[in-house]
């Protein structure tokens, strides 16, 4: 896992469930795509689950949510 993936994983762990936009906001990224790319990689590596579109508890937007895989 790269340092950026570890940072995003830590943010998800602290705030789950959380959408890519909220991860980007919390970590100071300019574009949601920065979080999205790494979240999809974490999903592919089986570190997290990305849900179907649901309401994010942080921003109230209907988005894919990231949750740590147990």
PDB file of N, CA and C in Angstrom:
ATOM      1  N   UNK A   1       0.857  -1.169   0.000  1.00  0.00           N
ATOM      2  CA  UNK A   1       0.000   0.000   0.000  1.00  0.00           C
ATOM      3  C   UNK A   1       0.912   1.243   0.000  1.00  0.00           C
ATOM      4  N   UNK A   2       0.635   2.171  -0.915  1.00  0.00           N
ATOM      5  CA  UNK A   2       1.427   3.398  -0.997  1.00  0.00           C
ATOM      6  C   UNK A   2       1.061   4.330   0.156  1.00  0.00           C
ATOM      7  N   UNK A   3       1.871   5.373   0.344  1.00  0.00           N
ATOM      8  CA  UNK A   3       1.594   6.334   1.417  1.00  0.00           C
ATOM      9  C   UNK A   3       0.254   7.029   1.201  1.00  0.00           C
ATOM     10  N   UNK A   4      -0.053   7.375  -0.038  1.00  0.00           N
ATOM     11  CA  UNK A   4      -1.322   8.040  -0.337  1.00  0.00           C
ATOM     12  C   UNK A   4      -2.493   7.101  -0.035  1.00  0.00           C
ATOM     13  N   UNK A   5      -2.358   5.825  -0.386  1.00  0.00           N
ATOM     14  CA  UNK A   5      -3.402   4.846  -0.078  1.00  0.00           C
ATOM     15  C   UNK A   5      -3.573   4.700   1.429  1.00  0.00           C
ATOM     16  N   UNK A   6      -2.469   4.712   2.177  1.00  0.00           N
ATOM     17  CA  UNK A   6      -2.546   4.628   3.638  1.00  0.00           C
ATOM     18  C   UNK A   6      -3.260   5.836   4.222  1.00  0.00           C
ATOM     19  N   UNK A   7      -2.996   7.013   3.671  1.00  0.00           N
ATOM     20  CA  UNK A   7      -3.646   8.241   4.138  1.00  0.00           C
ATOM     21  C   UNK A   7      -5.148   8.175   3.888  1.00  0.00           C
ATOM     22  N   UNK A   8      -5.537   7.757   2.691  1.00  0.00           N
ATOM     23  CA  UNK A   8      -6.953   7.649   2.353  1.00  0.00           C
ATOM     24  C   UNK A   8      -7.612   6.555   3.185  1.00  0.00           C
ATOM     25  N   UNK A   9      -6.935   5.427   3.364  1.00  0.00           N
ATOM     26  CA  UNK A   9      -7.453   4.332   4.191  1.00  0.00           C
ATOM     27  C   UNK A   9      -7.710   4.831   5.617  1.00  0.00           C
ATOM     28  N   UNK A  10      -6.771   5.594   6.163  1.00  0.00           N
ATOM     29  CA  UNK A  10      -6.931   6.150   7.508  1.00  0.00           C
ATOM     30  C   UNK A  10      -8.119   7.085   7.607  1.00  0.00           C
ATOM     31  N   UNK A  11      -8.331   7.889   6.575  1.00  0.00           N
ATOM     32  CA  UNK A  11      -9.483   8.802   6.548  1.00  0.00           C
ATOM     33  C   UNK A  11     -10.790   8.013   6.507  1.00  0.00           C
ATOM     34  N   UNK A  12     -10.823   6.958   5.705  1.00  0.00           N
ATOM     35  CA  UNK A  12     -12.017   6.114   5.624  1.00  0.00           C
ATOM     36  C   UNK A  12     -12.262   5.450   6.981  1.00  0.00           C
ATOM     37  N   UNK A  13     -11.217   4.937   7.592  1.00  0.00           N
ATOM     38  CA  UNK A  13     -11.337   4.263   8.886  1.00  0.00           C
ATOM     39  C   UNK A  13     -11.915   5.209   9.940  1.00  0.00           C
ATOM     40  N   UNK A  14     -11.475   6.448   9.926  1.00  0.00           N
ATOM     41  CA  UNK A  14     -11.918   7.433  10.924  1.00  0.00           C
ATOM     42  C   UNK A  14     -13.342   7.924  10.686  1.00  0.00           C
ATOM     43  N   UNK A  15     -13.751   8.029   9.418  1.00  0.00           N
ATOM     44  CA  UNK A  15     -15.026   8.688   9.090  1.00  0.00           C
ATOM     45  C   UNK A  15     -16.041   7.792   8.383  1.00  0.00           C
ATOM     46  N   UNK A  16     -15.814   6.500   8.289  1.00  0.00           N
ATOM     47  CA  UNK A  16     -16.681   5.633   7.494  1.00  0.00           C
ATOM     48  C   UNK A  16     -18.117   5.605   7.999  1.00  0.00           C
ATOM     49  N   UNK A  17     -19.078   5.438   7.114  1.00  0.00           N
ATOM     50  CA  UNK A  17     -18.925   5.462   5.653  1.00  0.00           C
ATOM     51  C   UNK A  17     -18.697   6.888   5.163  1.00  0.00           C
ATOM     52  N   UNK A  18     -17.938   7.019   4.085  1.00  0.00           N
ATOM     53  CA  UNK A  18     -17.573   8.337   3.572  1.00  0.00           C
ATOM     54  C   UNK A  18     -17.460   8.273   2.050  1.00  0.00           C
ATOM     55  N   UNK A  19     -17.897   9.340   1.385  1.00  0.00           N
ATOM     56  CA  UNK A  19     -17.818   9.397  -0.083  1.00  0.00           C
ATOM     57  C   UNK A  19     -16.475   9.993  -0.512  1.00  0.00           C
ATOM     58  N   UNK A  20     -16.171   9.865  -1.799  1.00  0.00           N
ATOM     59  CA  UNK A  20     -14.912  10.370  -2.341  1.00  0.00           C
ATOM     60  C   UNK A  20     -14.791  11.884  -2.166  1.00  0.00           C
ATOM     61  N   UNK A  21     -15.893  12.604  -2.344  1.00  0.00           N
ATOM     62  CA  UNK A  21     -15.869  14.060  -2.205  1.00  0.00           C
ATOM     63  C   UNK A  21     -15.481  14.465  -0.790  1.00  0.00           C
ATOM     64  N   UNK A  22     -16.045  13.797   0.201  1.00  0.00           N
ATOM     65  CA  UNK A  22     -15.727  14.125   1.593  1.00  0.00           C
ATOM     66  C   UNK A  22     -14.289  13.746   1.929  1.00  0.00           C
ATOM     67  N   UNK A  23     -13.785  12.638   1.367  1.00  0.00           N
ATOM     68  CA  UNK A  23     -12.373  12.282   1.560  1.00  0.00           C
ATOM     69  C   UNK A  23     -11.501  13.394   0.984  1.00  0.00           C
ATOM     70  N   UNK A  24     -11.813  13.831  -0.224  1.00  0.00           N
ATOM     71  CA  UNK A  24     -11.044  14.898  -0.861  1.00  0.00           C
ATOM     72  C   UNK A  24     -11.063  16.168  -0.026  1.00  0.00           C
ATOM     73  N   UNK A  25     -12.231  16.524   0.487  1.00  0.00           N
ATOM     74  CA  UNK A  25     -12.340  17.728   1.316  1.00  0.00           C
ATOM     75  C   UNK A  25     -11.522  17.595   2.597  1.00  0.00           C
ATOM     76  N   UNK A  26     -11.614  16.464   3.261  1.00  0.00           N
ATOM     77  CA  UNK A  26     -10.905  16.256   4.525  1.00  0.00           C
ATOM     78  C   UNK A  26      -9.395  16.252   4.343  1.00  0.00           C
ATOM     79  N   UNK A  27      -8.920  15.749   3.206  1.00  0.00           N
ATOM     80  CA  UNK A  27      -7.483  15.655   2.968  1.00  0.00           C
ATOM     81  C   UNK A  27      -6.927  16.827   2.156  1.00  0.00           C
ATOM     82  N   UNK A  28      -7.786  17.755   1.754  1.00  0.00           N
ATOM     83  CA  UNK A  28      -7.340  18.954   1.051  1.00  0.00           C
ATOM     84  C   UNK A  28      -7.009  18.762  -0.411  1.00  0.00           C
ATOM     85  N   UNK A  29      -7.582  17.726  -1.041  1.00  0.00           N
ATOM     86  CA  UNK A  29      -7.364  17.507  -2.469  1.00  0.00           C
ATOM     87  C   UNK A  29      -8.261  18.443  -3.266  1.00  0.00           C
ATOM     88  N   UNK A  30      -7.764  18.937  -4.385  1.00  0.00           N
ATOM     89  CA  UNK A  30      -8.534  19.858  -5.221  1.00  0.00           C
ATOM     90  C   UNK A  30      -9.636  19.139  -5.999  1.00  0.00           C
ATOM     91  N   UNK A  31      -9.400  17.897  -6.375  1.00  0.00           N
ATOM     92  CA  UNK A  31     -10.337  17.176  -7.230  1.00  0.00           C
ATOM     93  C   UNK A  31     -10.772  15.873  -6.574  1.00  0.00           C
ATOM     94  N   UNK A  32     -12.051  15.547  -6.684  1.00  0.00           N
ATOM     95  CA  UNK A  32     -12.573  14.296  -6.135  1.00  0.00           C
ATOM     96  C   UNK A  32     -11.924  13.090  -6.800  1.00  0.00           C
ATOM     97  N   UNK A  33     -11.469  13.260  -8.035  1.00  0.00           N
ATOM     98  CA  UNK A  33     -10.875  12.146  -8.773  1.00  0.00           C
ATOM     99  C   UNK A  33      -9.635  11.609  -8.069  1.00  0.00           C
ATOM    100  N   UNK A  34      -8.923  12.472  -7.335  1.00  0.00           N
ATOM    101  CA  UNK A  34      -7.748  12.007  -6.590  1.00  0.00           C
ATOM    102  C   UNK A  34      -8.146  10.919  -5.614  1.00  0.00           C
ATOM    103  N   UNK A  35      -9.203  11.138  -4.854  1.00  0.00           N
ATOM    104  CA  UNK A  35      -9.672  10.135  -3.889  1.00  0.00           C
ATOM    105  C   UNK A  35     -10.286   8.947  -4.631  1.00  0.00           C
ATOM    106  N   UNK A  36     -11.054   9.215  -5.667  1.00  0.00           N
ATOM    107  CA  UNK A  36     -11.745   8.155  -6.395  1.00  0.00           C
ATOM    108  C   UNK A  36     -10.769   7.118  -6.936  1.00  0.00           C
ATOM    109  N   UNK A  37      -9.703   7.560  -7.552  1.00  0.00           N
ATOM    110  CA  UNK A  37      -8.713   6.647  -8.129  1.00  0.00           C
ATOM    111  C   UNK A  37      -8.140   5.717  -7.063  1.00  0.00           C
ATOM    112  N   UNK A  38      -7.761   6.282  -5.940  1.00  0.00           N
ATOM    113  CA  UNK A  38      -7.151   5.474  -4.885  1.00  0.00           C
ATOM    114  C   UNK A  38      -8.179   4.608  -4.159  1.00  0.00           C
ATOM    115  N   UNK A  39      -9.408   5.073  -4.033  1.00  0.00           N
ATOM    116  CA  UNK A  39     -10.452   4.250  -3.412  1.00  0.00           C
ATOM    117  C   UNK A  39     -10.762   3.026  -4.273  1.00  0.00           C
ATOM    118  N   UNK A  40     -10.793   3.208  -5.582  1.00  0.00           N
ATOM    119  CA  UNK A  40     -11.022   2.059  -6.467  1.00  0.00           C
ATOM    120  C   UNK A  40      -9.866   1.058  -6.375  1.00  0.00           C
ATOM    121  N   UNK A  41      -8.638   1.560  -6.238  1.00  0.00           N
ATOM    122  CA  UNK A  41      -7.474   0.689  -6.064  1.00  0.00           C
ATOM    123  C   UNK A  41      -7.559  -0.063  -4.737  1.00  0.00           C
ATOM    124  N   UNK A  42      -7.941   0.620  -3.667  1.00  0.00           N
ATOM    125  CA  UNK A  42      -8.107  -0.036  -2.364  1.00  0.00           C
ATOM    126  C   UNK A  42      -9.211  -1.094  -2.422  1.00  0.00           C
ATOM    127  N   UNK A  43     -10.272  -0.802  -3.179  1.00  0.00           N
ATOM    128  CA  UNK A  43     -11.340  -1.787  -3.367  1.00  0.00           C
ATOM    129  C   UNK A  43     -10.825  -3.007  -4.117  1.00  0.00           C
ATOM    130  N   UNK A  44     -10.099  -2.773  -5.197  1.00  0.00           N
ATOM    131  CA  UNK A  44      -9.567  -3.883  -5.995  1.00  0.00           C
ATOM    132  C   UNK A  44      -8.617  -4.755  -5.174  1.00  0.00           C
ATOM    133  N   UNK A  45      -7.890  -4.134  -4.249  1.00  0.00           N
ATOM    134  CA  UNK A  45      -6.959  -4.865  -3.386  1.00  0.00           C
ATOM    135  C   UNK A  45      -7.650  -5.435  -2.141  1.00  0.00           C
ATOM    136  N   UNK A  46      -8.980  -5.285  -2.071  1.00  0.00           N
ATOM    137  CA  UNK A  46      -9.818  -5.846  -1.003  1.00  0.00           C
ATOM    138  C   UNK A  46      -9.578  -5.229   0.387  1.00  0.00           C
ATOM    139  N   UNK A  47      -9.143  -3.947   0.413  1.00  0.00           N
ATOM    140  CA  UNK A  47      -9.002  -3.248   1.684  1.00  0.00           C
ATOM    141  C   UNK A  47     -10.307  -2.570   2.100  1.00  0.00           C
ATOM    142  N   UNK A  48     -11.093  -2.127   1.095  1.00  0.00           N
ATOM    143  CA  UNK A  48     -12.355  -1.451   1.383  1.00  0.00           C
ATOM    144  C   UNK A  48     -13.464  -2.004   0.499  1.00  0.00           C
ATOM    145  N   UNK A  49     -14.683  -1.640   0.858  1.00  0.00           N
ATOM    146  CA  UNK A  49     -15.871  -1.933   0.051  1.00  0.00           C
ATOM    147  C   UNK A  49     -16.408  -0.590  -0.424  1.00  0.00           C
ATOM    148  N   UNK A  50     -16.838  -0.532  -1.679  1.00  0.00           N
ATOM    149  CA  UNK A  50     -17.532   0.653  -2.201  1.00  0.00           C
ATOM    150  C   UNK A  50     -18.979   0.253  -2.418  1.00  0.00           C
ATOM    151  N   UNK A  51     -19.887   0.912  -1.710  1.00  0.00           N
ATOM    152  CA  UNK A  51     -21.304   0.566  -1.764  1.00  0.00           C
ATOM    153  C   UNK A  51     -21.946   1.095  -3.044  1.00  0.00           C
ATOM    154  N   UNK A  52     -23.179   0.645  -3.295  1.00  0.00           N
ATOM    155  CA  UNK A  52     -23.998   1.304  -4.303  1.00  0.00           C
ATOM    156  C   UNK A  52     -24.259   2.719  -3.806  1.00  0.00           C
ATOM    157  N   UNK A  53     -24.819   3.575  -4.656  1.00  0.00           N
ATOM    158  CA  UNK A  53     -25.065   4.956  -4.251  1.00  0.00           C
ATOM    159  C   UNK A  53     -26.033   5.003  -3.063  1.00  0.00           C
ATOM    160  N   UNK A  54     -25.569   5.651  -2.008  1.00  0.00           N
ATOM    161  CA  UNK A  54     -26.351   5.855  -0.786  1.00  0.00           C
ATOM    162  C   UNK A  54     -26.089   7.262  -0.295  1.00  0.00           C
ATOM    163  N   UNK A  55     -26.808   7.686   0.710  1.00  0.00           N
ATOM    164  CA  UNK A  55     -26.633   9.020   1.265  1.00  0.00           C
ATOM    165  C   UNK A  55     -25.386   9.048   2.147  1.00  0.00           C
ATOM    166  N   UNK A  56     -24.457   9.941   1.841  1.00  0.00           N
ATOM    167  CA  UNK A  56     -23.254  10.117   2.659  1.00  0.00           C
ATOM    168  C   UNK A  56     -23.659  10.851   3.939  1.00  0.00           C
ATOM    169  N   UNK A  57     -23.320  10.315   5.101  1.00  0.00           N
ATOM    170  CA  UNK A  57     -23.710  10.965   6.353  1.00  0.00           C
ATOM    171  C   UNK A  57     -22.991  12.295   6.606  1.00  0.00           C
ATOM    172  N   UNK A  58     -21.919  12.563   5.876  1.00  0.00           N
ATOM    173  CA  UNK A  58     -21.181  13.806   6.088  1.00  0.00           C
ATOM    174  C   UNK A  58     -21.681  14.958   5.225  1.00  0.00           C
ATOM    175  N   UNK A  59     -21.994  14.675   3.947  1.00  0.00           N
ATOM    176  CA  UNK A  59     -22.412  15.758   3.039  1.00  0.00           C
ATOM    177  C   UNK A  59     -23.870  15.634   2.588  1.00  0.00           C
ATOM    178  N   UNK A  60     -24.510  14.522   2.937  1.00  0.00           N
ATOM    179  CA  UNK A  60     -25.900  14.237   2.548  1.00  0.00           C
ATOM    180  C   UNK A  60     -26.104  14.078   1.051  1.00  0.00           C
ATOM    181  N   UNK A  61     -25.035  13.886   0.293  1.00  0.00           N
ATOM    182  CA  UNK A  61     -25.146  13.633  -1.133  1.00  0.00           C
ATOM    183  C   UNK A  61     -25.337  12.140  -1.389  1.00  0.00           C
ATOM    184  N   UNK A  62     -26.007  11.807  -2.483  1.00  0.00           N
ATOM    185  CA  UNK A  62     -26.201  10.403  -2.855  1.00  0.00           C
ATOM    186  C   UNK A  62     -25.000   9.978  -3.694  1.00  0.00           C
ATOM    187  N   UNK A  63     -24.103   9.204  -3.060  1.00  0.00           N
ATOM    188  CA  UNK A  63     -22.839   8.868  -3.707  1.00  0.00           C
ATOM    189  C   UNK A  63     -22.404   7.468  -3.316  1.00  0.00           C
ATOM    190  N   UNK A  64     -21.371   6.975  -4.001  1.00  0.00           N
ATOM    191  CA  UNK A  64     -20.757   5.715  -3.607  1.00  0.00           C
ATOM    192  C   UNK A  64     -20.030   5.957  -2.284  1.00  0.00           C
ATOM    193  N   UNK A  65     -20.217   5.048  -1.333  1.00  0.00           N
ATOM    194  CA  UNK A  65     -19.589   5.204  -0.024  1.00  0.00           C
ATOM    195  C   UNK A  65     -18.477   4.174   0.146  1.00  0.00           C
ATOM    196  N   UNK A  66     -17.456   4.571   0.879  1.00  0.00           N
ATOM    197  CA  UNK A  66     -16.301   3.730   1.155  1.00  0.00           C
ATOM    198  C   UNK A  66     -16.360   3.260   2.598  1.00  0.00           C
ATOM    199  N   UNK A  67     -16.189   1.951   2.784  1.00  0.00           N
ATOM    200  CA  UNK A  67     -16.246   1.322   4.097  1.00  0.00           C
ATOM    201  C   UNK A  67     -15.091   0.332   4.184  1.00  0.00           C
ATOM    202  N   UNK A  68     -14.447   0.259   5.344  1.00  0.00           N
ATOM    203  CA  UNK A  68     -13.356  -0.698   5.541  1.00  0.00           C
ATOM    204  C   UNK A  68     -13.900  -2.106   5.482  1.00  0.00           C
ATOM    205  N   UNK A  69     -13.214  -2.963   4.723  1.00  0.00           N
ATOM    206  CA  UNK A  69     -13.608  -4.386   4.619  1.00  0.00           C
ATOM    207  C   UNK A  69     -13.208  -5.092   5.901  1.00  0.00           C
ATOM    208  N   UNK A  70     -14.135  -5.805   6.483  1.00  0.00           N
ATOM    209  CA  UNK A  70     -13.868  -6.501   7.760  1.00  0.00           C
ATOM    210  C   UNK A  70     -13.593  -7.954   7.503  1.00  0.00           C
TER     211      UNK A  70
END
